[in-house]
Amino acid sequence: MPNPWTNKGNPYTKQEVRDRLQTTLDQGKAIIAAGAGTGISAKFIEKGGADLIIIYNSGRFRMAGHGSTAGLMAYGDANAEAMSIGEFEVLPVVEEIPVICGVHGSDPRRRMWHHLLKVKEMGFSGVNNFPTHSIVDGQFRQVLEETGMGFDKEVEMIRIASKMDLFTIVYVAKPEEAVKMAEAGADAIIAHVGTTVGGSIGVTGASCTMDDAMERTQQIIEAARQINPDIFFLTHGGPVNTPEDVRIVLDGTDAQGFVGASSLERMGVEKSLTDLTRQFKSLTLKNKNQGQ
């Protein structure tokens, strides 16, 4: 939806984003959402035809050469980082693609309704629950839940965002989490099956098999679909890294698309820069003594 001042670009209403995604599906195409931690990434992800751009605080770490899991650690203000990337890097350079803001819903220092109003005012078309505690397990997850910083805070954030007419696309790791998000009004649910494998800083052993990923993805889809059959369902993470991997999941589940962050932004940079640099370094002088 063009804004009334420049007749360009963002933001979009919830229904406008839904309509765009439905058009993609009606054309028989998969929905592709991509994380962007820099303006240059966002610019060329849009040129590549992505349906959505999602801004994660982890994108800042990822594009600085660190593992994406740094976004879950206390290395900075996740909500402020996502807003900063949006305001100063991504929103100024994209043309018309909807941009989604990662929101750390359990942040105890913020009145979440107030923060979401600022997200909307900035020009974001929607929100995503990242960093998300859905991918935290064990005793630490229990501690978070028992001390008021659990997954339910993310659910409540999505409920508020939906009331504000923001498009809501959410991470879940379990069917019961998918049910909660569906009941809160989530427009799209991403089955998160773990940190992405591959590349220089992806996980190696801390991942599931492709069969496990597909089984978990389908369980999440079936659970949420019972609440709202109109939700968009996407896959993310773990062994689902390349277009060929996504093809397998699309064929083996009811997923309608893919969310890639490391898979698109980081892996694209790692390979292209390495290959291009090697091409330059393969150049030789016409006279081997020329450099002396």
Foldseek 3Di string as FASTA:
>chain_A
DQDPPPRWAFDDFQVVLLVLCVVCVVVVHFAEEEEALFQVLLQVVVVVPHQEYEYWLLNVVLVVPAASCVSVDPPDDGLVSQLCRCQPGHVVRHTYHAYETADQQLPPVDPLLVSLVVVVVSGHQAYEHPPACQPPDDPVQVVCVVVRRHRVSVLVSLLSRVVVRHAYEYEHAAQVSLQSNLVSPHQAYEHEQAFADDDDHTDDPPADDLVVQLVRQQSNLVSSCVSPVNHAYEYDHGDQAEPVSRVVSVVRHVHRHYYYYCSRRVVVCRVVVVVVVVVVVVDDDPDNPVVD
